[in-house]
All heavy atoms as atom14 arrays in JSON, in Angstrom:
{
  "sequence": "DRQAPGKEREFVAGVSSTGREETYVDSVSGRFTISRDDAKNTV",
  "atom14_mask": [
    [1, 1, 1, 1, 1, 1, 1, 1, 0, 0, 0, 0, 0, 0],
    [1, 1, 1, 1, 1, 1, 1, 1, 1, 1, 1, 0, 0, 0],
    [1, 1, 1, 1, 1, 1, 1, 1, 1, 0, 0, 0, 0, 0],
    [1, 1, 1, 1, 1, 0, 0, 0, 0, 0, 0, 0, 0, 0],
    [1, 1, 1, 1, 1, 1, 1, 0, 0, 0, 0, 0, 0, 0],
    [1, 1, 1, 1, 0, 0, 0, 0, 0, 0, 0, 0, 0, 0],
    [1, 1, 1, 1, 1, 1, 1, 1, 1, 0, 0, 0, 0, 0],
    [1, 1, 1, 1, 1, 1, 1, 1, 1, 0, 0, 0, 0, 0],
    [1, 1, 1, 1, 1, 1, 1, 1, 1, 1, 1, 0, 0, 0],
    [1, 1, 1, 1, 1, 1, 1, 1, 1, 0, 0, 0, 0, 0],
    [1, 1, 1, 1, 1, 1, 1, 1, 1, 1, 1, 0, 0, 0],
    [1, 1, 1, 1, 1, 1, 1, 0, 0, 0, 0, 0, 0, 0],
    [1, 1, 1, 1, 1, 0, 0, 0, 0, 0, 0, 0, 0, 0],
    [1, 1, 1, 1, 0, 0, 0, 0, 0, 0, 0, 0, 0, 0],
    [1, 1, 1, 1, 1, 1, 1, 0, 0, 0, 0, 0, 0, 0],
    [1, 1, 1, 1, 1, 1, 0, 0, 0, 0, 0, 0, 0, 0],
    [1, 1, 1, 1, 1, 1, 0, 0, 0, 0, 0, 0, 0, 0],
    [1, 1, 1, 1, 1, 1, 1, 0, 0, 0, 0, 0, 0, 0],
    [1, 1, 1, 1, 0, 0, 0, 0, 0, 0, 0, 0, 0, 0],
    [1, 1, 1, 1, 1, 1, 1, 1, 1, 1, 1, 0, 0, 0],
    [1, 1, 1, 1, 1, 1, 1, 1, 1, 0, 0, 0, 0, 0],
    [1, 1, 1, 1, 1, 1, 1, 1, 1, 0, 0, 0, 0, 0],
    [1, 1, 1, 1, 1, 1, 1, 0, 0, 0, 0, 0, 0, 0],
    [1, 1, 1, 1, 1, 1, 1, 1, 1, 1, 1, 1, 0, 0],
    [1, 1, 1, 1, 1, 1, 1, 0, 0, 0, 0, 0, 0, 0],
    [1, 1, 1, 1, 1, 1, 1, 1, 0, 0, 0, 0, 0, 0],
    [1, 1, 1, 1, 1, 1, 0, 0, 0, 0, 0, 0, 0, 0],
    [1, 1, 1, 1, 1, 1, 1, 0, 0, 0, 0, 0, 0, 0],
    [1, 1, 1, 1, 1, 1, 0, 0, 0, 0, 0, 0, 0, 0],
    [1, 1, 1, 1, 0, 0, 0, 0, 0, 0, 0, 0, 0, 0],
    [1, 1, 1, 1, 1, 1, 1, 1, 1, 1, 1, 0, 0, 0],
    [1, 1, 1, 1, 1, 1, 1, 1, 1, 1, 1, 0, 0, 0],
    [1, 1, 1, 1, 1, 1, 1, 0, 0, 0, 0, 0, 0, 0],
    [1, 1, 1, 1, 1, 1, 1, 1, 0, 0, 0, 0, 0, 0],
    [1, 1, 1, 1, 1, 1, 0, 0, 0, 0, 0, 0, 0, 0],
    [1, 1, 1, 1, 1, 1, 1, 1, 1, 1, 1, 0, 0, 0],
    [1, 1, 1, 1, 1, 1, 1, 1, 0, 0, 0, 0, 0, 0],
    [1, 1, 1, 1, 1, 1, 1, 1, 0, 0, 0, 0, 0, 0],
    [1, 1, 1, 1, 1, 0, 0, 0, 0, 0, 0, 0, 0, 0],
    [1, 1, 1, 1, 1, 1, 1, 1, 1, 0, 0, 0, 0, 0],
    [1, 1, 1, 1, 1, 1, 1, 1, 0, 0, 0, 0, 0, 0],
    [1, 1, 1, 1, 1, 1, 1, 0, 0, 0, 0, 0, 0, 0],
    [1, 1, 1, 1, 1, 1, 1, 0, 0, 0, 0, 0, 0, 0]
  ],
  "atom14_positions": [
    [[2.41, 20.24, -2.97], [2.85, 19.76, -4.3], [1.62, 20.13, -5.25], [0.52, 20.31, -4.79], [3.21, 18.35, -4.25], [4.44, 18.02, -3.61], [4.94, 18.97, -2.98], [4.91, 16.87, -3.6], [0.0, 0.0, 0.0], [0.0, 0.0, 0.0], [0.0, 0.0, 0.0], [0.0, 0.0, 0.0], [0.0, 0.0, 0.0], [0.0, 0.0, 0.0]],
    [[1.96, 19.95, -6.59], [0.93, 20.06, -7.52], [1.02, 19.14, -8.77], [2.19, 18.83, -9.09], [0.56, 21.51, -7.96], [1.69, 22.07, -8.75], [1.55, 23.5, -9.11], [2.6, 24.07, -9.8], [2.79, 25.37, -10.08], [1.8, 26.26, -9.69], [3.76, 25.87, -10.8], [0.0, 0.0, 0.0], [0.0, 0.0, 0.0], [0.0, 0.0, 0.0]],
    [[0.1, 18.81, -9.35], [0.17, 18.03, -10.64], [-0.81, 18.52, -11.73], [-2.04, 18.53, -11.45], [-0.12, 16.52, -10.47], [0.2, 15.72, -11.55], [0.25, 14.21, -11.19], [-0.3, 13.77, -10.12], [0.87, 13.37, -11.99], [0.0, 0.0, 0.0], [0.0, 0.0, 0.0], [0.0, 0.0, 0.0], [0.0, 0.0, 0.0], [0.0, 0.0, 0.0]],
    [[-0.26, 18.99, -12.71], [-0.97, 19.64, -13.99], [-1.37, 18.3, -14.94], [-0.61, 17.45, -14.75], [-0.16, 20.73, -14.61], [0.0, 0.0, 0.0], [0.0, 0.0, 0.0], [0.0, 0.0, 0.0], [0.0, 0.0, 0.0], [0.0, 0.0, 0.0], [0.0, 0.0, 0.0], [0.0, 0.0, 0.0], [0.0, 0.0, 0.0], [0.0, 0.0, 0.0]],
    [[-2.32, 18.49, -15.74], [-2.62, 17.45, -16.59], [-1.36, 17.04, -17.48], [-0.86, 17.98, -18.06], [-3.72, 18.05, -17.48], [-4.28, 19.04, -16.6], [-3.26, 19.55, -15.82], [0.0, 0.0, 0.0], [0.0, 0.0, 0.0], [0.0, 0.0, 0.0], [0.0, 0.0, 0.0], [0.0, 0.0, 0.0], [0.0, 0.0, 0.0], [0.0, 0.0, 0.0]],
    [[-1.17, 15.79, -17.54], [-0.05, 15.36, -18.5], [1.31, 15.63, -17.93], [2.34, 15.44, -18.65], [0.0, 0.0, 0.0], [0.0, 0.0, 0.0], [0.0, 0.0, 0.0], [0.0, 0.0, 0.0], [0.0, 0.0, 0.0], [0.0, 0.0, 0.0], [0.0, 0.0, 0.0], [0.0, 0.0, 0.0], [0.0, 0.0, 0.0], [0.0, 0.0, 0.0]],
    [[1.49, 16.1, -16.71], [2.82, 16.35, -16.12], [2.99, 15.61, -14.8], [2.01, 15.14, -14.2], [2.83, 17.87, -15.88], [3.01, 18.82, -17.22], [3.1, 20.15, -16.87], [3.25, 21.06, -18.1], [3.64, 22.52, -17.87], [0.0, 0.0, 0.0], [0.0, 0.0, 0.0], [0.0, 0.0, 0.0], [0.0, 0.0, 0.0], [0.0, 0.0, 0.0]],
    [[4.23, 15.45, -14.49], [4.7, 14.87, -13.19], [4.22, 15.74, -12.08], [4.21, 17.09, -12.11], [6.04, 14.53, -13.25], [6.4, 13.42, -14.25], [7.91, 12.99, -14.03], [8.55, 13.56, -13.21], [8.2, 12.13, -14.69], [0.0, 0.0, 0.0], [0.0, 0.0, 0.0], [0.0, 0.0, 0.0], [0.0, 0.0, 0.0], [0.0, 0.0, 0.0]],
    [[3.93, 15.26, -10.84], [3.74, 15.96, -9.65], [5.09, 16.81, -9.36], [6.16, 16.21, -9.45], [3.3, 15.12, -8.55], [2.89, 15.73, -7.3], [2.28, 14.73, -6.24], [1.11, 14.05, -6.86], [0.28, 13.18, -6.07], [0.49, 13.21, -4.82], [-0.76, 12.83, -6.65], [0.0, 0.0, 0.0], [0.0, 0.0, 0.0], [0.0, 0.0, 0.0]],
    [[4.95, 17.92, -8.87], [5.98, 18.78, -8.5], [5.84, 19.53, -7.2], [4.75, 19.78, -6.75], [6.36, 19.93, -9.61], [5.3, 20.97, -9.66], [5.72, 22.17, -10.51], [6.89, 22.15, -10.92], [4.85, 22.93, -10.83], [0.0, 0.0, 0.0], [0.0, 0.0, 0.0], [0.0, 0.0, 0.0], [0.0, 0.0, 0.0], [0.0, 0.0, 0.0]],
    [[6.9, 19.66, -6.51], [7.04, 20.42, -5.18], [6.65, 21.8, -5.45], [7.16, 22.49, -6.51], [8.34, 20.29, -4.56], [8.53, 21.2, -3.49], [8.22, 20.85, -2.16], [9.21, 22.5, -3.65], [8.34, 21.81, -1.11], [9.42, 23.28, -2.66], [8.99, 22.88, -1.3], [0.0, 0.0, 0.0], [0.0, 0.0, 0.0], [0.0, 0.0, 0.0]],
    [[5.82, 22.49, -4.65], [5.52, 23.82, -4.69], [6.05, 24.66, -3.61], [6.65, 25.77, -3.91], [3.96, 23.97, -4.92], [3.58, 25.57, -4.86], [3.37, 23.31, -6.12], [0.0, 0.0, 0.0], [0.0, 0.0, 0.0], [0.0, 0.0, 0.0], [0.0, 0.0, 0.0], [0.0, 0.0, 0.0], [0.0, 0.0, 0.0], [0.0, 0.0, 0.0]],
    [[5.67, 24.23, -2.43], [6.11, 24.98, -1.26], [6.21, 24.27, -0.14], [5.61, 23.27, 0.06], [5.22, 26.19, -0.96], [0.0, 0.0, 0.0], [0.0, 0.0, 0.0], [0.0, 0.0, 0.0], [0.0, 0.0, 0.0], [0.0, 0.0, 0.0], [0.0, 0.0, 0.0], [0.0, 0.0, 0.0], [0.0, 0.0, 0.0], [0.0, 0.0, 0.0]],
    [[7.08, 24.45, 0.86], [7.3, 23.78, 2.12], [7.53, 24.66, 3.28], [8.02, 25.75, 3.18], [0.0, 0.0, 0.0], [0.0, 0.0, 0.0], [0.0, 0.0, 0.0], [0.0, 0.0, 0.0], [0.0, 0.0, 0.0], [0.0, 0.0, 0.0], [0.0, 0.0, 0.0], [0.0, 0.0, 0.0], [0.0, 0.0, 0.0], [0.0, 0.0, 0.0]],
    [[7.03, 24.22, 4.42], [7.29, 25.02, 5.73], [7.87, 24.1, 6.77], [7.4, 22.89, 6.83], [6.01, 25.66, 6.15], [4.9, 24.58, 6.52], [6.39, 26.65, 7.36], [0.0, 0.0, 0.0], [0.0, 0.0, 0.0], [0.0, 0.0, 0.0], [0.0, 0.0, 0.0], [0.0, 0.0, 0.0], [0.0, 0.0, 0.0], [0.0, 0.0, 0.0]],
    [[8.87, 24.41, 7.52], [9.45, 23.68, 8.55], [8.51, 23.48, 9.65], [7.44, 24.19, 9.81], [10.79, 24.31, 9.04], [10.47, 25.47, 9.69], [0.0, 0.0, 0.0], [0.0, 0.0, 0.0], [0.0, 0.0, 0.0], [0.0, 0.0, 0.0], [0.0, 0.0, 0.0], [0.0, 0.0, 0.0], [0.0, 0.0, 0.0], [0.0, 0.0, 0.0]],
    [[8.89, 22.51, 10.51], [8.02, 22.15, 11.68], [7.95, 23.46, 12.64], [6.81, 23.62, 13.26], [8.62, 21.09, 12.45], [9.95, 21.36, 12.99], [0.0, 0.0, 0.0], [0.0, 0.0, 0.0], [0.0, 0.0, 0.0], [0.0, 0.0, 0.0], [0.0, 0.0, 0.0], [0.0, 0.0, 0.0], [0.0, 0.0, 0.0], [0.0, 0.0, 0.0]],
    [[8.95, 24.37, 12.63], [8.88, 25.41, 13.47], [8.18, 26.59, 12.84], [7.82, 27.65, 13.43], [10.34, 25.96, 13.86], [10.92, 26.3, 12.69], [11.12, 24.92, 14.54], [0.0, 0.0, 0.0], [0.0, 0.0, 0.0], [0.0, 0.0, 0.0], [0.0, 0.0, 0.0], [0.0, 0.0, 0.0], [0.0, 0.0, 0.0], [0.0, 0.0, 0.0]],
    [[7.99, 26.51, 11.53], [7.38, 27.69, 10.73], [8.42, 28.68, 10.39], [8.0, 29.64, 9.63], [0.0, 0.0, 0.0], [0.0, 0.0, 0.0], [0.0, 0.0, 0.0], [0.0, 0.0, 0.0], [0.0, 0.0, 0.0], [0.0, 0.0, 0.0], [0.0, 0.0, 0.0], [0.0, 0.0, 0.0], [0.0, 0.0, 0.0], [0.0, 0.0, 0.0]],
    [[9.55, 28.64, 10.79], [10.51, 29.72, 10.51], [11.23, 29.71, 9.18], [11.77, 30.56, 8.68], [11.68, 29.56, 11.65], [11.3, 29.91, 13.02], [12.44, 30.03, 13.94], [11.97, 30.19, 15.34], [12.21, 29.16, 16.2], [12.61, 28.08, 15.66], [11.73, 29.23, 17.42], [0.0, 0.0, 0.0], [0.0, 0.0, 0.0], [0.0, 0.0, 0.0]],
    [[11.23, 28.37, 8.65], [11.81, 28.09, 7.2], [10.61, 27.82, 6.11], [9.89, 26.91, 6.4], [12.86, 27.14, 7.26], [13.94, 27.38, 8.24], [14.96, 26.27, 8.26], [14.9, 25.39, 7.44], [15.93, 26.35, 9.19], [0.0, 0.0, 0.0], [0.0, 0.0, 0.0], [0.0, 0.0, 0.0], [0.0, 0.0, 0.0], [0.0, 0.0, 0.0]],
    [[10.81, 28.51, 5.03], [9.9, 28.37, 4.0], [10.67, 28.18, 2.64], [11.69, 28.81, 2.55], [8.91, 29.44, 3.77], [8.04, 29.93, 4.98], [7.26, 31.25, 4.79], [7.24, 31.61, 3.73], [6.97, 31.81, 5.86], [0.0, 0.0, 0.0], [0.0, 0.0, 0.0], [0.0, 0.0, 0.0], [0.0, 0.0, 0.0], [0.0, 0.0, 0.0]],
    [[10.26, 27.24, 1.84], [10.91, 27.01, 0.56], [9.82, 27.09, -0.55], [8.77, 26.63, -0.32], [11.6, 25.73, 0.48], [10.77, 24.74, 0.91], [12.87, 25.71, 1.5], [0.0, 0.0, 0.0], [0.0, 0.0, 0.0], [0.0, 0.0, 0.0], [0.0, 0.0, 0.0], [0.0, 0.0, 0.0], [0.0, 0.0, 0.0], [0.0, 0.0, 0.0]],
    [[10.3, 27.54, -1.84], [9.3, 27.57, -2.87], [10.01, 27.16, -4.22], [11.26, 27.44, -4.32], [8.76, 29.06, -3.03], [8.03, 29.64, -1.82], [8.82, 30.32, -0.85], [6.69, 29.37, -1.71], [8.17, 30.7, 0.31], [6.09, 29.84, -0.49], [6.74, 30.58, 0.42], [6.11, 30.98, 1.52], [0.0, 0.0, 0.0], [0.0, 0.0, 0.0]],
    [[9.14, 26.58, -4.98], [9.79, 26.45, -6.37], [9.73, 27.8, -7.07], [9.09, 28.73, -6.74], [8.77, 25.44, -7.17], [7.48, 26.14, -7.45], [9.49, 24.93, -8.5], [0.0, 0.0, 0.0], [0.0, 0.0, 0.0], [0.0, 0.0, 0.0], [0.0, 0.0, 0.0], [0.0, 0.0, 0.0], [0.0, 0.0, 0.0], [0.0, 0.0, 0.0]],
    [[10.77, 27.95, -7.95], [11.07, 29.34, -8.52], [9.88, 29.76, -9.23], [9.64, 31.08, -9.16], [12.19, 29.15, -9.48], [13.53, 28.92, -8.84], [13.57, 29.23, -7.62], [14.59, 28.67, -9.61], [0.0, 0.0, 0.0], [0.0, 0.0, 0.0], [0.0, 0.0, 0.0], [0.0, 0.0, 0.0], [0.0, 0.0, 0.0], [0.0, 0.0, 0.0]],
    [[9.12, 29.02, -9.71], [8.01, 29.56, -10.6], [6.87, 30.2, -9.68], [6.1, 30.88, -10.25], [7.33, 28.52, -11.44], [6.81, 27.39, -10.51], [0.0, 0.0, 0.0], [0.0, 0.0, 0.0], [0.0, 0.0, 0.0], [0.0, 0.0, 0.0], [0.0, 0.0, 0.0], [0.0, 0.0, 0.0], [0.0, 0.0, 0.0], [0.0, 0.0, 0.0]],
    [[6.88, 29.93, -8.39], [5.72, 30.57, -7.61], [6.41, 31.57, -6.55], [5.49, 32.28, -5.86], [5.02, 29.49, -6.93], [4.39, 28.45, -7.77], [5.76, 28.89, -5.69], [0.0, 0.0, 0.0], [0.0, 0.0, 0.0], [0.0, 0.0, 0.0], [0.0, 0.0, 0.0], [0.0, 0.0, 0.0], [0.0, 0.0, 0.0], [0.0, 0.0, 0.0]],
    [[7.7, 31.63, -6.4], [8.39, 32.45, -5.41], [7.87, 33.98, -5.69], [7.87, 34.49, -6.77], [9.89, 32.31, -5.56], [10.54, 33.15, -4.61], [0.0, 0.0, 0.0], [0.0, 0.0, 0.0], [0.0, 0.0, 0.0], [0.0, 0.0, 0.0], [0.0, 0.0, 0.0], [0.0, 0.0, 0.0], [0.0, 0.0, 0.0], [0.0, 0.0, 0.0]],
    [[7.53, 34.52, -4.65], [7.06, 35.91, -4.61], [5.59, 36.06, -4.96], [4.92, 37.17, -4.75], [0.0, 0.0, 0.0], [0.0, 0.0, 0.0], [0.0, 0.0, 0.0], [0.0, 0.0, 0.0], [0.0, 0.0, 0.0], [0.0, 0.0, 0.0], [0.0, 0.0, 0.0], [0.0, 0.0, 0.0], [0.0, 0.0, 0.0], [0.0, 0.0, 0.0]],
    [[4.87, 34.93, -5.21], [3.37, 35.04, -5.5], [2.72, 34.07, -4.54], [1.6, 34.44, -4.13], [3.13, 34.42, -6.89], [3.77, 35.26, -8.1], [3.28, 34.71, -9.42], [3.61, 33.49, -9.71], [2.77, 32.53, -10.01], [1.42, 32.65, -10.03], [3.19, 31.32, -10.3], [0.0, 0.0, 0.0], [0.0, 0.0, 0.0], [0.0, 0.0, 0.0]],
    [[3.24, 33.02, -4.03], [2.67, 32.2, -3.16], [3.34, 32.35, -1.86], [4.52, 32.52, -1.78], [2.8, 30.62, -3.59], [1.98, 30.32, -4.94], [1.42, 31.21, -5.63], [1.9, 28.89, -5.18], [0.62, 30.94, -6.72], [1.27, 28.53, -6.35], [0.51, 29.52, -7.15], [0.0, 0.0, 0.0], [0.0, 0.0, 0.0], [0.0, 0.0, 0.0]],
    [[2.56, 32.05, -0.72], [3.04, 32.05, 0.66], [2.43, 30.84, 1.44], [1.18, 30.77, 1.5], [2.65, 33.29, 1.39], [3.21, 34.51, 0.67], [3.36, 33.31, 2.73], [0.0, 0.0, 0.0], [0.0, 0.0, 0.0], [0.0, 0.0, 0.0], [0.0, 0.0, 0.0], [0.0, 0.0, 0.0], [0.0, 0.0, 0.0], [0.0, 0.0, 0.0]],
    [[3.38, 30.05, 1.94], [2.89, 29.06, 2.72], [3.0, 29.45, 4.21], [3.9, 30.05, 4.61], [3.79, 27.69, 2.59], [3.24, 26.54, 3.36], [5.23, 27.89, 2.83], [3.81, 25.18, 2.88], [0.0, 0.0, 0.0], [0.0, 0.0, 0.0], [0.0, 0.0, 0.0], [0.0, 0.0, 0.0], [0.0, 0.0, 0.0], [0.0, 0.0, 0.0]],
    [[1.97, 28.96, 4.99], [1.97, 29.27, 6.4], [1.38, 28.12, 7.23], [0.72, 27.26, 6.65], [1.35, 30.56, 6.73], [-0.11, 30.53, 6.32], [0.0, 0.0, 0.0], [0.0, 0.0, 0.0], [0.0, 0.0, 0.0], [0.0, 0.0, 0.0], [0.0, 0.0, 0.0], [0.0, 0.0, 0.0], [0.0, 0.0, 0.0], [0.0, 0.0, 0.0]],
    [[1.49, 28.09, 8.54], [0.89, 27.11, 9.33], [0.27, 27.67, 10.72], [0.94, 28.64, 11.16], [1.96, 25.97, 9.78], [3.07, 26.38, 10.45], [4.13, 25.4, 10.63], [3.7, 24.15, 11.23], [4.05, 22.84, 10.97], [5.08, 22.71, 10.07], [3.45, 21.85, 11.73], [0.0, 0.0, 0.0], [0.0, 0.0, 0.0], [0.0, 0.0, 0.0]],
    [[-0.7, 26.99, 11.12], [-1.35, 27.48, 12.34], [-1.43, 26.15, 13.18], [-2.32, 25.31, 12.95], [-2.71, 27.99, 12.05], [-3.44, 28.41, 13.39], [-2.91, 28.0, 14.53], [-4.31, 29.19, 13.26], [0.0, 0.0, 0.0], [0.0, 0.0, 0.0], [0.0, 0.0, 0.0], [0.0, 0.0, 0.0], [0.0, 0.0, 0.0], [0.0, 0.0, 0.0]],
    [[-0.47, 25.98, 14.06], [-0.41, 24.71, 14.98], [-1.55, 24.56, 15.83], [-1.81, 23.38, 16.14], [1.0, 24.69, 15.78], [2.13, 24.53, 14.77], [2.08, 24.21, 13.5], [3.34, 24.62, 15.27], [0.0, 0.0, 0.0], [0.0, 0.0, 0.0], [0.0, 0.0, 0.0], [0.0, 0.0, 0.0], [0.0, 0.0, 0.0], [0.0, 0.0, 0.0]],
    [[-2.19, 25.59, 16.2], [-3.4, 25.48, 17.05], [-4.55, 24.84, 16.34], [-5.32, 24.32, 17.02], [-3.7, 26.79, 17.66], [0.0, 0.0, 0.0], [0.0, 0.0, 0.0], [0.0, 0.0, 0.0], [0.0, 0.0, 0.0], [0.0, 0.0, 0.0], [0.0, 0.0, 0.0], [0.0, 0.0, 0.0], [0.0, 0.0, 0.0], [0.0, 0.0, 0.0]],
    [[-4.57, 24.96, 14.99], [-5.57, 24.4, 14.27], [-5.17, 23.19, 13.5], [-5.9, 22.69, 12.74], [-6.12, 25.59, 13.3], [-6.85, 26.76, 13.97], [-7.25, 27.69, 12.97], [-8.0, 28.88, 13.55], [-8.61, 29.82, 12.7], [0.0, 0.0, 0.0], [0.0, 0.0, 0.0], [0.0, 0.0, 0.0], [0.0, 0.0, 0.0], [0.0, 0.0, 0.0]],
    [[-3.88, 22.76, 13.65], [-3.42, 21.73, 12.84], [-3.54, 21.91, 11.18], [-4.01, 20.99, 10.62], [-3.89, 20.36, 13.31], [-3.45, 19.85, 14.57], [-2.78, 20.58, 15.3], [-3.78, 18.67, 14.98], [0.0, 0.0, 0.0], [0.0, 0.0, 0.0], [0.0, 0.0, 0.0], [0.0, 0.0, 0.0], [0.0, 0.0, 0.0], [0.0, 0.0, 0.0]],
    [[-3.4, 23.02, 10.91], [-3.69, 23.37, 9.48], [-2.42, 24.22, 8.85], [-1.85, 24.95, 9.49], [-4.95, 24.27, 9.4], [-6.07, 23.58, 10.01], [-5.22, 24.71, 8.01], [0.0, 0.0, 0.0], [0.0, 0.0, 0.0], [0.0, 0.0, 0.0], [0.0, 0.0, 0.0], [0.0, 0.0, 0.0], [0.0, 0.0, 0.0], [0.0, 0.0, 0.0]],
    [[-2.21, 23.83, 7.52], [-1.28, 24.59, 6.74], [-1.91, 25.21, 5.65], [-3.02, 24.71, 5.2], [-0.16, 23.55, 6.3], [-0.65, 22.53, 5.4], [0.92, 24.36, 5.63], [0.0, 0.0, 0.0], [0.0, 0.0, 0.0], [0.0, 0.0, 0.0], [0.0, 0.0, 0.0], [0.0, 0.0, 0.0], [0.0, 0.0, 0.0], [0.0, 0.0, 0.0]]
  ]
}
């Protein structure tokens, strides 16, 4: 999620537990990519 000054926090991107499903807010779709590395417990 992100929060800009003076604005409410908004969802940006999400990834499912399996990593197979990704969702994005329209404003970042095509520019941002979410990914996960379960071996490193990192997104």
